[in-house]
PDB file of N, CA and C in Angstrom:
ATOM      1  N   MET A   1      26.017  -6.748  -5.259  1.00  0.00           N
ATOM      2  CA  MET A   1      27.362  -7.306  -5.458  1.00  0.00           C
ATOM      3  C   MET A   1      27.140  -8.721  -5.317  1.00  0.00           C
ATOM      4  N   ARG A   2      27.778  -9.055  -6.348  1.00  0.00           N
ATOM      5  CA  ARG A   2      27.403 -10.908  -6.400  1.00  0.00           C
ATOM      6  C   ARG A   2      29.070 -11.447  -5.657  1.00  0.00           C
ATOM      7  N   SER A   3      28.798 -12.891  -4.956  1.00  0.00           N
ATOM      8  CA  SER A   3      29.802 -13.517  -4.262  1.00  0.00           C
ATOM      9  C   SER A   3      30.250 -14.240  -5.414  1.00  0.00           C
ATOM     10  N   PRO A   4      31.742 -14.513  -5.524  1.00  0.00           N
ATOM     11  CA  PRO A   4      32.076 -15.436  -6.618  1.00  0.00           C
ATOM     12  C   PRO A   4      32.024 -17.067  -6.200  1.00  0.00           C
ATOM     13  N   GLN A   5      31.444 -17.061  -4.818  1.00  0.00           N
ATOM     14  CA  GLN A   5      31.675 -18.360  -3.995  1.00  0.00           C
ATOM     15  C   GLN A   5      30.205 -18.782  -4.006  1.00  0.00           C
ATOM     16  N   VAL A   6      29.630 -20.242  -4.132  1.00  0.00           N
ATOM     17  CA  VAL A   6      28.407 -20.570  -4.165  1.00  0.00           C
ATOM     18  C   VAL A   6      28.434 -21.902  -3.238  1.00  0.00           C
ATOM     19  N   ASP A   7      27.483 -21.765  -2.484  1.00  0.00           N
ATOM     20  CA  ASP A   7      27.379 -23.109  -1.638  1.00  0.00           C
ATOM     21  C   ASP A   7      26.222 -23.925  -2.357  1.00  0.00           C
ATOM     22  N   LEU A   8      26.646 -25.216  -2.405  1.00  0.00           N
ATOM     23  CA  LEU A   8      25.736 -26.277  -3.230  1.00  0.00           C
ATOM     24  C   LEU A   8      25.569 -27.191  -2.347  1.00  0.00           C
ATOM     25  N   GLU A   9      24.575 -27.725  -2.131  1.00  0.00           N
ATOM     26  CA  GLU A   9      23.846 -28.779  -1.476  1.00  0.00           C
ATOM     27  C   GLU A   9      23.144 -29.849  -2.251  1.00  0.00           C
ATOM     28  N   PHE A  10      23.596 -31.344  -1.967  1.00  0.00           N
ATOM     29  CA  PHE A  10      22.969 -32.410  -2.683  1.00  0.00           C
ATOM     30  C   PHE A  10      22.141 -33.002  -1.748  1.00  0.00           C
ATOM     31  N   VAL A  11      21.072 -33.406  -1.766  1.00  0.00           N
ATOM     32  CA  VAL A  11      19.913 -34.462  -0.783  1.00  0.00           C
ATOM     33  C   VAL A  11      19.918 -35.677  -1.439  1.00  0.00           C
ATOM     34  N   VAL A  12      20.368 -36.458  -1.153  1.00  0.00           N
ATOM     35  CA  VAL A  12      19.751 -37.829  -1.644  1.00  0.00           C
ATOM     36  C   VAL A  12      18.888 -38.801  -0.837  1.00  0.00           C
ATOM     37  N   GLU A  13      18.005 -38.884  -1.319  1.00  0.00           N
ATOM     38  CA  GLU A  13      17.212 -39.998  -0.355  1.00  0.00           C
ATOM     39  C   GLU A  13      17.284 -41.277  -0.403  1.00  0.00           C
ATOM     40  N   SER A  14      18.603 -42.000  -0.776  1.00  0.00           N
ATOM     41  CA  SER A  14      19.066 -43.312  -0.705  1.00  0.00           C
ATOM     42  C   SER A  14      20.203 -43.514   0.234  1.00  0.00           C
ATOM     43  N   ALA A  15      20.734 -45.046   0.273  1.00  0.00           N
ATOM     44  CA  ALA A  15      21.767 -45.376   0.917  1.00  0.00           C
ATOM     45  C   ALA A  15      22.525 -46.197  -0.131  1.00  0.00           C
ATOM     46  N   LYS A  16      22.056 -45.898  -1.529  1.00  0.00           N
ATOM     47  CA  LYS A  16      22.477 -46.792  -2.711  1.00  0.00           C
ATOM     48  C   LYS A  16      23.747 -45.241  -3.060  1.00  0.00           C
ATOM     49  N   PRO A  17      24.901 -45.708  -3.683  1.00  0.00           N
ATOM     50  CA  PRO A  17      25.856 -44.805  -4.439  1.00  0.00           C
ATOM     51  C   PRO A  17      25.225 -44.241  -5.768  1.00  0.00           C
ATOM     52  N   VAL A  18      25.805 -42.819  -5.511  1.00  0.00           N
ATOM     53  CA  VAL A  18      25.106 -41.790  -6.609  1.00  0.00           C
ATOM     54  C   VAL A  18      26.554 -41.223  -7.293  1.00  0.00           C
ATOM     55  N   TRP A  19      26.422 -41.085  -8.518  1.00  0.00           N
ATOM     56  CA  TRP A  19      27.394 -40.565  -9.435  1.00  0.00           C
ATOM     57  C   TRP A  19      26.988 -39.585 -10.432  1.00  0.00           C
ATOM     58  N   ILE A  20      27.485 -38.374 -10.350  1.00  0.00           N
ATOM     59  CA  ILE A  20      27.243 -37.115 -11.009  1.00  0.00           C
ATOM     60  C   ILE A  20      28.110 -37.070 -12.536  1.00  0.00           C
ATOM     61  N   SER A  21      27.201 -37.307 -13.395  1.00  0.00           N
ATOM     62  CA  SER A  21      28.456 -37.229 -14.697  1.00  0.00           C
ATOM     63  C   SER A  21      28.198 -35.738 -15.355  1.00  0.00           C
ATOM     64  N   ALA A  22      27.427 -35.100 -15.389  1.00  0.00           N
ATOM     65  CA  ALA A  22      27.414 -33.746 -15.759  1.00  0.00           C
ATOM     66  C   ALA A  22      26.047 -32.846 -15.009  1.00  0.00           C
ATOM     67  N   ILE A  23      26.766 -31.520 -14.978  1.00  0.00           N
ATOM     68  CA  ILE A  23      25.564 -30.639 -14.028  1.00  0.00           C
ATOM     69  C   ILE A  23      25.843 -29.454 -14.754  1.00  0.00           C
ATOM     70  N   THR A  24      24.924 -28.541 -14.846  1.00  0.00           N
ATOM     71  CA  THR A  24      24.784 -27.205 -15.132  1.00  0.00           C
ATOM     72  C   THR A  24      24.047 -26.288 -13.915  1.00  0.00           C
ATOM     73  N   ILE A  25      24.621 -25.264 -13.768  1.00  0.00           N
ATOM     74  CA  ILE A  25      24.015 -24.442 -12.581  1.00  0.00           C
ATOM     75  C   ILE A  25      23.458 -23.144 -13.370  1.00  0.00           C
ATOM     76  N   HIS A  26      22.185 -22.574 -12.780  1.00  0.00           N
ATOM     77  CA  HIS A  26      21.642 -21.643 -13.428  1.00  0.00           C
ATOM     78  C   HIS A  26      21.176 -20.484 -12.075  1.00  0.00           C
ATOM     79  N   ALA A  27      21.252 -19.486 -12.296  1.00  0.00           N
ATOM     80  CA  ALA A  27      20.919 -18.346 -11.285  1.00  0.00           C
ATOM     81  C   ALA A  27      19.649 -18.265 -11.281  1.00  0.00           C
ATOM     82  N   CYS A  28      18.639 -19.054 -10.587  1.00  0.00           N
ATOM     83  CA  CYS A  28      17.196 -18.814 -10.917  1.00  0.00           C
ATOM     84  C   CYS A  28      16.424 -19.802  -9.930  1.00  0.00           C
ATOM     85  N   PRO A  29      15.473 -19.292  -9.313  1.00  0.00           N
ATOM     86  CA  PRO A  29      14.755 -20.437  -8.173  1.00  0.00           C
ATOM     87  C   PRO A  29      14.213 -21.531  -9.029  1.00  0.00           C
ATOM     88  N   ASP A  30      13.953 -22.328  -8.187  1.00  0.00           N
ATOM     89  CA  ASP A  30      13.795 -23.797  -8.443  1.00  0.00           C
ATOM     90  C   ASP A  30      11.854 -23.701  -8.357  1.00  0.00           C
ATOM     91  N   VAL A  31      11.403 -22.860  -8.908  1.00  0.00           N
ATOM     92  CA  VAL A  31      10.049 -22.881  -8.695  1.00  0.00           C
ATOM     93  C   VAL A  31       9.092 -22.665  -9.923  1.00  0.00           C
ATOM     94  N   MET A  32       8.068 -22.779 -10.094  1.00  0.00           N
ATOM     95  CA  MET A  32       7.263 -23.223 -11.426  1.00  0.00           C
ATOM     96  C   MET A  32       6.089 -22.466 -11.313  1.00  0.00           C
ATOM     97  N   PHE A  33       5.499 -22.125 -12.263  1.00  0.00           N
ATOM     98  CA  PHE A  33       4.289 -21.604 -12.545  1.00  0.00           C
ATOM     99  C   PHE A  33       3.456 -21.631 -13.728  1.00  0.00           C
ATOM    100  N   ARG A  34       2.188 -21.439 -14.178  1.00  0.00           N
ATOM    101  CA  ARG A  34       1.330 -21.712 -15.291  1.00  0.00           C
ATOM    102  C   ARG A  34       0.304 -21.319 -15.229  1.00  0.00           C
ATOM    103  N   GLU A  35      -0.136 -20.552 -16.031  1.00  0.00           N
ATOM    104  CA  GLU A  35      -1.436 -19.708 -16.278  1.00  0.00           C
ATOM    105  C   GLU A  35      -2.450 -20.625 -17.373  1.00  0.00           C
ATOM    106  N   PHE A  36      -3.434 -21.065 -17.089  1.00  0.00           N
ATOM    107  CA  PHE A  36      -4.537 -21.526 -17.671  1.00  0.00           C
ATOM    108  C   PHE A  36      -5.769 -20.366 -18.100  1.00  0.00           C
ATOM    109  N   GLU A  37      -6.490 -20.734 -18.688  1.00  0.00           N
ATOM    110  CA  GLU A  37      -7.956 -19.853 -18.951  1.00  0.00           C
ATOM    111  C   GLU A  37      -8.368 -19.517 -17.448  1.00  0.00           C
ATOM    112  N   HIS A  38      -8.807 -20.333 -16.895  1.00  0.00           N
ATOM    113  CA  HIS A  38      -9.778 -20.442 -15.680  1.00  0.00           C
ATOM    114  C   HIS A  38      -8.805 -20.046 -14.277  1.00  0.00           C
ATOM    115  N   GLY A  39      -7.621 -20.372 -14.201  1.00  0.00           N
ATOM    116  CA  GLY A  39      -6.808 -20.240 -13.194  1.00  0.00           C
ATOM    117  C   GLY A  39      -5.342 -20.459 -13.519  1.00  0.00           C
ATOM    118  N   LEU A  40      -4.610 -20.802 -12.217  1.00  0.00           N
ATOM    119  CA  LEU A  40      -3.344 -20.596 -12.332  1.00  0.00           C
ATOM    120  C   LEU A  40      -2.825 -21.714 -11.291  1.00  0.00           C
ATOM    121  N   VAL A  41      -1.134 -22.244 -11.762  1.00  0.00           N
ATOM    122  CA  VAL A  41      -0.684 -23.459 -10.929  1.00  0.00           C
ATOM    123  C   VAL A  41       0.368 -23.018 -10.179  1.00  0.00           C
ATOM    124  N   VAL A  42       0.777 -22.812  -9.103  1.00  0.00           N
ATOM    125  CA  VAL A  42       2.293 -22.613  -8.661  1.00  0.00           C
ATOM    126  C   VAL A  42       2.767 -23.383  -7.908  1.00  0.00           C
ATOM    127  N   ALA A  43       4.009 -23.845  -8.245  1.00  0.00           N
ATOM    128  CA  ALA A  43       4.342 -25.041  -7.341  1.00  0.00           C
ATOM    129  C   ALA A  43       5.846 -24.491  -7.202  1.00  0.00           C
ATOM    130  N   ASN A  44       6.494 -25.172  -5.823  1.00  0.00           N
ATOM    131  CA  ASN A  44       7.614 -24.793  -5.040  1.00  0.00           C
ATOM    132  C   ASN A  44       8.326 -26.150  -4.997  1.00  0.00           C
ATOM    133  N   PRO A  45       8.940 -26.859  -5.655  1.00  0.00           N
ATOM    134  CA  PRO A  45       9.530 -28.131  -5.422  1.00  0.00           C
ATOM    135  C   PRO A  45      10.940 -27.968  -4.835  1.00  0.00           C
ATOM    136  N   SER A  46      11.433 -26.930  -4.618  1.00  0.00           N
ATOM    137  CA  SER A  46      12.699 -26.782  -3.687  1.00  0.00           C
ATOM    138  C   SER A  46      12.484 -27.265  -2.292  1.00  0.00           C
ATOM    139  N   SER A  47      13.806 -27.061  -1.667  1.00  0.00           N
ATOM    140  CA  SER A  47      13.514 -27.250  -0.072  1.00  0.00           C
ATOM    141  C   SER A  47      13.681 -25.891   0.943  1.00  0.00           C
ATOM    142  N   ARG A  48      13.322 -24.876   0.244  1.00  0.00           N
ATOM    143  CA  ARG A  48      13.165 -23.424   0.727  1.00  0.00           C
ATOM    144  C   ARG A  48      11.951 -23.023   0.262  1.00  0.00           C
ATOM    145  N   THR A  49      11.263 -22.080   0.960  1.00  0.00           N
ATOM    146  CA  THR A  49      10.257 -21.409   0.895  1.00  0.00           C
ATOM    147  C   THR A  49      10.361 -19.959  -0.222  1.00  0.00           C
ATOM    148  N   TYR A  50       9.454 -19.946  -0.891  1.00  0.00           N
ATOM    149  CA  TYR A  50       9.711 -18.879  -1.947  1.00  0.00           C
ATOM    150  C   TYR A  50       8.185 -18.084  -2.236  1.00  0.00           C
ATOM    151  N   THR A  51       8.227 -16.885  -2.394  1.00  0.00           N
ATOM    152  CA  THR A  51       7.350 -16.017  -2.183  1.00  0.00           C
ATOM    153  C   THR A  51       7.008 -15.566  -3.795  1.00  0.00           C
ATOM    154  N   PHE A  52       5.847 -15.790  -4.339  1.00  0.00           N
ATOM    155  CA  PHE A  52       5.439 -15.483  -5.905  1.00  0.00           C
ATOM    156  C   PHE A  52       4.840 -13.956  -5.862  1.00  0.00           C
ATOM    157  N   GLU A  53       5.499 -13.179  -6.551  1.00  0.00           N
ATOM    158  CA  GLU A  53       4.775 -11.525  -6.637  1.00  0.00           C
ATOM    159  C   GLU A  53       3.963 -11.983  -7.841  1.00  0.00           C
ATOM    160  N   LEU A  54       2.928 -12.279  -7.214  1.00  0.00           N
ATOM    161  CA  LEU A  54       1.676 -12.344  -8.565  1.00  0.00           C
ATOM    162  C   LEU A  54       1.567 -11.105  -8.953  1.00  0.00           C
ATOM    163  N   SER A  55       1.336  -9.802  -8.517  1.00  0.00           N
ATOM    164  CA  SER A  55       0.866  -8.700  -9.034  1.00  0.00           C
ATOM    165  C   SER A  55       1.923  -8.169  -9.931  1.00  0.00           C
ATOM    166  N   LYS A  56       3.084  -8.806  -9.989  1.00  0.00           N
ATOM    167  CA  LYS A  56       4.224  -8.528 -10.868  1.00  0.00           C
ATOM    168  C   LYS A  56       4.054  -9.516 -12.105  1.00  0.00           C
ATOM    169  N   LEU A  57       3.978 -10.937 -11.986  1.00  0.00           N
ATOM    170  CA  LEU A  57       3.766 -11.968 -12.694  1.00  0.00           C
ATOM    171  C   LEU A  57       2.284 -11.852 -13.492  1.00  0.00           C
ATOM    172  N   PHE A  58       1.237 -10.948 -13.069  1.00  0.00           N
ATOM    173  CA  PHE A  58      -0.056 -11.176 -13.552  1.00  0.00           C
ATOM    174  C   PHE A  58      -0.945  -9.922 -13.253  1.00  0.00           C
ATOM    175  N   PRO A  59      -0.182  -8.643 -13.992  1.00  0.00           N
ATOM    176  CA  PRO A  59      -0.771  -7.477 -13.596  1.00  0.00           C
ATOM    177  C   PRO A  59      -2.131  -7.557 -13.700  1.00  0.00           C
ATOM    178  N   GLY A  60      -3.125  -6.754 -12.642  1.00  0.00           N
ATOM    179  CA  GLY A  60      -4.329  -6.564 -12.885  1.00  0.00           C
ATOM    180  C   GLY A  60      -5.406  -7.826 -12.832  1.00  0.00           C
ATOM    181  N   LYS A  61      -4.551  -9.016 -12.543  1.00  0.00           N
ATOM    182  CA  LYS A  61      -5.725 -10.153 -12.616  1.00  0.00           C
ATOM    183  C   LYS A  61      -5.610 -10.704 -10.966  1.00  0.00           C
ATOM    184  N   GLN A  62      -6.760 -11.264 -10.842  1.00  0.00           N
ATOM    185  CA  GLN A  62      -6.912 -11.567  -8.941  1.00  0.00           C
ATOM    186  C   GLN A  62      -7.440 -13.037  -8.959  1.00  0.00           C
ATOM    187  N   PHE A  63      -6.765 -13.651  -8.164  1.00  0.00           N
ATOM    188  CA  PHE A  63      -6.644 -14.993  -8.259  1.00  0.00           C
ATOM    189  C   PHE A  63      -7.608 -15.631  -6.611  1.00  0.00           C
ATOM    190  N   ARG A  64      -8.043 -16.486  -6.548  1.00  0.00           N
ATOM    191  CA  ARG A  64      -8.789 -17.152  -5.272  1.00  0.00           C
ATOM    192  C   ARG A  64      -8.435 -18.524  -4.892  1.00  0.00           C
ATOM    193  N   ARG A  65      -8.429 -18.900  -3.944  1.00  0.00           N
ATOM    194  CA  ARG A  65      -8.037 -20.268  -3.585  1.00  0.00           C
ATOM    195  C   ARG A  65      -9.246 -21.167  -3.990  1.00  0.00           C
ATOM    196  N   LEU A  66      -8.833 -22.018  -4.057  1.00  0.00           N
ATOM    197  CA  LEU A  66     -10.318 -23.545  -4.504  1.00  0.00           C
ATOM    198  C   LEU A  66     -10.479 -23.556  -2.865  1.00  0.00           C
ATOM    199  N   LYS A  67     -11.839 -23.922  -3.110  1.00  0.00           N
ATOM    200  CA  LYS A  67     -12.747 -24.234  -1.594  1.00  0.00           C
ATOM    201  C   LYS A  67     -12.758 -25.931  -1.492  1.00  0.00           C
ATOM    202  N   ALA A  68     -12.163 -26.092  -0.270  1.00  0.00           N
ATOM    203  CA  ALA A  68     -12.140 -27.437  -0.361  1.00  0.00           C
ATOM    204  C   ALA A  68     -13.283 -28.360   0.607  1.00  0.00           C
ATOM    205  N   THR A  69     -13.407 -29.536   0.389  1.00  0.00           N
ATOM    206  CA  THR A  69     -14.422 -30.444   0.685  1.00  0.00           C
ATOM    207  C   THR A  69     -14.239 -30.805   2.358  1.00  0.00           C
ATOM    208  N   ALA A  70     -14.747 -31.560   2.678  1.00  0.00           N
ATOM    209  CA  ALA A  70     -14.802 -32.069   4.216  1.00  0.00           C
ATOM    210  C   ALA A  70     -13.415 -33.062   4.276  1.00  0.00           C
ATOM    211  N   HIS A  71     -13.047 -33.809   3.373  1.00  0.00           N
ATOM    212  CA  HIS A  71     -12.091 -34.372   3.617  1.00  0.00           C
ATOM    213  C   HIS A  71     -10.611 -34.129   2.847  1.00  0.00           C
ATOM    214  N   GLN A  72     -10.575 -32.730   2.079  1.00  0.00           N
ATOM    215  CA  GLN A  72      -9.550 -32.187   1.713  1.00  0.00           C
ATOM    216  C   GLN A  72      -8.819 -31.160   2.782  1.00  0.00           C
ATOM    217  N   ASP A  73      -7.804 -30.560   2.381  1.00  0.00           N
ATOM    218  CA  ASP A  73      -6.875 -29.681   2.792  1.00  0.00           C
ATOM    219  C   ASP A  73      -7.886 -28.486   3.187  1.00  0.00           C
ATOM    220  N   THR A  74      -8.450 -28.061   4.111  1.00  0.00           N
ATOM    221  CA  THR A  74      -9.391 -26.992   4.163  1.00  0.00           C
ATOM    222  C   THR A  74      -8.126 -25.685   4.653  1.00  0.00           C
ATOM    223  N   LEU A  75      -7.211 -25.848   5.103  1.00  0.00           N
ATOM    224  CA  LEU A  75      -6.150 -24.665   5.561  1.00  0.00           C
ATOM    225  C   LEU A  75      -5.675 -24.195   4.177  1.00  0.00           C
ATOM    226  N   ALA A  76      -4.968 -24.846   3.163  1.00  0.00           N
ATOM    227  CA  ALA A  76      -4.689 -24.535   2.042  1.00  0.00           C
ATOM    228  C   ALA A  76      -5.621 -23.713   0.943  1.00  0.00           C
ATOM    229  N   ASN A  77      -6.998 -24.753   0.732  1.00  0.00           N
ATOM    230  CA  ASN A  77      -7.912 -24.392  -0.039  1.00  0.00           C
ATOM    231  C   ASN A  77      -9.018 -23.920   0.831  1.00  0.00           C
ATOM    232  N   ASN A  78      -9.132 -22.512   1.133  1.00  0.00           N
ATOM    233  CA  ASN A  78      -9.953 -22.260   2.161  1.00  0.00           C
ATOM    234  C   ASN A  78     -11.122 -21.201   1.213  1.00  0.00           C
ATOM    235  N   GLY A  79     -10.778 -20.964  -0.160  1.00  0.00           N
ATOM    236  CA  GLY A  79     -11.476 -20.575  -0.875  1.00  0.00           C
ATOM    237  C   GLY A  79     -11.377 -18.634  -0.855  1.00  0.00           C
ATOM    238  N   LYS A  80     -10.439 -18.260  -0.124  1.00  0.00           N
ATOM    239  CA  LYS A  80      -9.920 -16.926   0.171  1.00  0.00           C
ATOM    240  C   LYS A  80      -9.156 -16.092  -1.228  1.00  0.00           C
ATOM    241  N   ARG A  81      -9.417 -15.130  -1.268  1.00  0.00           N
ATOM    242  CA  ARG A  81      -8.698 -14.167  -2.241  1.00  0.00           C
ATOM    243  C   ARG A  81      -7.165 -14.102  -1.789  1.00  0.00           C
ATOM    244  N   VAL A  82      -6.321 -14.568  -2.760  1.00  0.00           N
ATOM    245  CA  VAL A  82      -4.825 -14.248  -2.661  1.00  0.00           C
ATOM    246  C   VAL A  82      -4.414 -12.815  -2.451  1.00  0.00           C
ATOM    247  N   SER A  83      -3.715 -12.376  -2.004  1.00  0.00           N
ATOM    248  CA  SER A  83      -3.206 -11.351  -2.139  1.00  0.00           C
ATOM    249  C   SER A  83      -2.157 -10.886  -3.180  1.00  0.00           C
ATOM    250  N   THR A  84      -1.565  -9.767  -3.327  1.00  0.00           N
ATOM    251  CA  THR A  84      -0.517  -9.647  -4.564  1.00  0.00           C
ATOM    252  C   THR A  84       0.937 -10.423  -4.470  1.00  0.00           C
ATOM    253  N   HIS A  85       1.042 -11.306  -3.291  1.00  0.00           N
ATOM    254  CA  HIS A  85       1.903 -12.283  -2.898  1.00  0.00           C
ATOM    255  C   HIS A  85       1.815 -13.322  -2.392  1.00  0.00           C
ATOM    256  N   LEU A  86       2.253 -14.477  -2.898  1.00  0.00           N
ATOM    257  CA  LEU A  86       1.702 -15.574  -2.378  1.00  0.00           C
ATOM    258  C   LEU A  86       3.182 -16.385  -1.780  1.00  0.00           C
ATOM    259  N   THR A  87       3.215 -17.016  -0.668  1.00  0.00           N
ATOM    260  CA  THR A  87       4.170 -17.869  -0.117  1.00  0.00           C
ATOM    261  C   THR A  87       3.756 -19.127  -0.045  1.00  0.00           C
ATOM    262  N   LEU A  88       4.710 -20.346  -0.682  1.00  0.00           N
ATOM    263  CA  LEU A  88       4.705 -21.469  -0.463  1.00  0.00           C
ATOM    264  C   LEU A  88       5.810 -21.981  -0.131  1.00  0.00           C
ATOM    265  N   GLY A  89       5.638 -22.903   0.962  1.00  0.00           N
ATOM    266  CA  GLY A  89       6.884 -23.658   1.644  1.00  0.00           C
ATOM    267  C   GLY A  89       7.359 -24.658   0.834  1.00  0.00           C
ATOM    268  N   PRO A  90       8.449 -25.322   1.446  1.00  0.00           N
ATOM    269  CA  PRO A  90       9.143 -26.323   0.303  1.00  0.00           C
ATOM    270  C   PRO A  90       8.136 -27.731  -0.014  1.00  0.00           C
ATOM    271  N   GLN A  91       8.575 -28.090  -1.115  1.00  0.00           N
ATOM    272  CA  GLN A  91       7.741 -28.873  -1.751  1.00  0.00           C
ATOM    273  C   GLN A  91       6.110 -28.736  -1.460  1.00  0.00           C
ATOM    274  N   GLU A  92       5.387 -27.768  -1.918  1.00  0.00           N
ATOM    275  CA  GLU A  92       4.300 -27.100  -1.891  1.00  0.00           C
ATOM    276  C   GLU A  92       3.692 -26.903  -3.366  1.00  0.00           C
ATOM    277  N   GLY A  93       2.666 -27.107  -3.676  1.00  0.00           N
ATOM    278  CA  GLY A  93       2.187 -26.612  -4.928  1.00  0.00           C
ATOM    279  C   GLY A  93       0.413 -26.076  -4.558  1.00  0.00           C
ATOM    280  N   LEU A  94       0.103 -25.405  -5.276  1.00  0.00           N
ATOM    281  CA  LEU A  94      -1.681 -24.833  -5.211  1.00  0.00           C
ATOM    282  C   LEU A  94      -1.955 -24.432  -6.617  1.00  0.00           C
ATOM    283  N   PHE A  95      -3.387 -24.925  -6.572  1.00  0.00           N
ATOM    284  CA  PHE A  95      -4.209 -24.333  -7.802  1.00  0.00           C
ATOM    285  C   PHE A  95      -5.132 -23.353  -7.336  1.00  0.00           C
ATOM    286  N   LEU A  96      -4.690 -22.202  -8.045  1.00  0.00           N
ATOM    287  CA  LEU A  96      -5.881 -21.228  -7.818  1.00  0.00           C
ATOM    288  C   LEU A  96      -6.944 -20.646  -9.224  1.00  0.00           C
ATOM    289  N   LEU A  97      -7.627 -20.090  -8.571  1.00  0.00           N
ATOM    290  CA  LEU A  97      -8.825 -19.875  -9.801  1.00  0.00           C
ATOM    291  C   LEU A  97      -8.595 -18.301 -10.032  1.00  0.00           C
ATOM    292  N   LYS A  98      -8.886 -17.754 -11.203  1.00  0.00           N
ATOM    293  CA  LYS A  98      -9.078 -16.488 -11.642  1.00  0.00           C
ATOM    294  C   LYS A  98     -10.378 -16.292 -11.259  1.00  0.00           C
ATOM    295  N   GLU A  99     -10.621 -14.527 -10.844  1.00  0.00           N
ATOM    296  CA  GLU A  99     -11.830 -14.014 -10.591  1.00  0.00           C
ATOM    297  C   GLU A  99     -12.037 -13.285 -11.745  1.00  0.00           C
TER     298      GLU A  99
END
């Protein structure tokens, strides 16, 4: 059952005045993904953690994280296979390779 009430939050990264002249609201998460020939890009520009259900979005396909070099993010880019679910924190993105 859906609630007739929604909490709406605006975060403004400036001390200057803000005017809103038009706004639309859609019931969907603020995340993006795009499949390419050899990989996948996932992005979560929102302020909340989001879990992508890769097994539902890309049935039968397997993905692997990139393998970082010495001066890159070795935690996110550890070269490991991604499971059926991939969780991204707020304002995170990730490039994945197809296996």
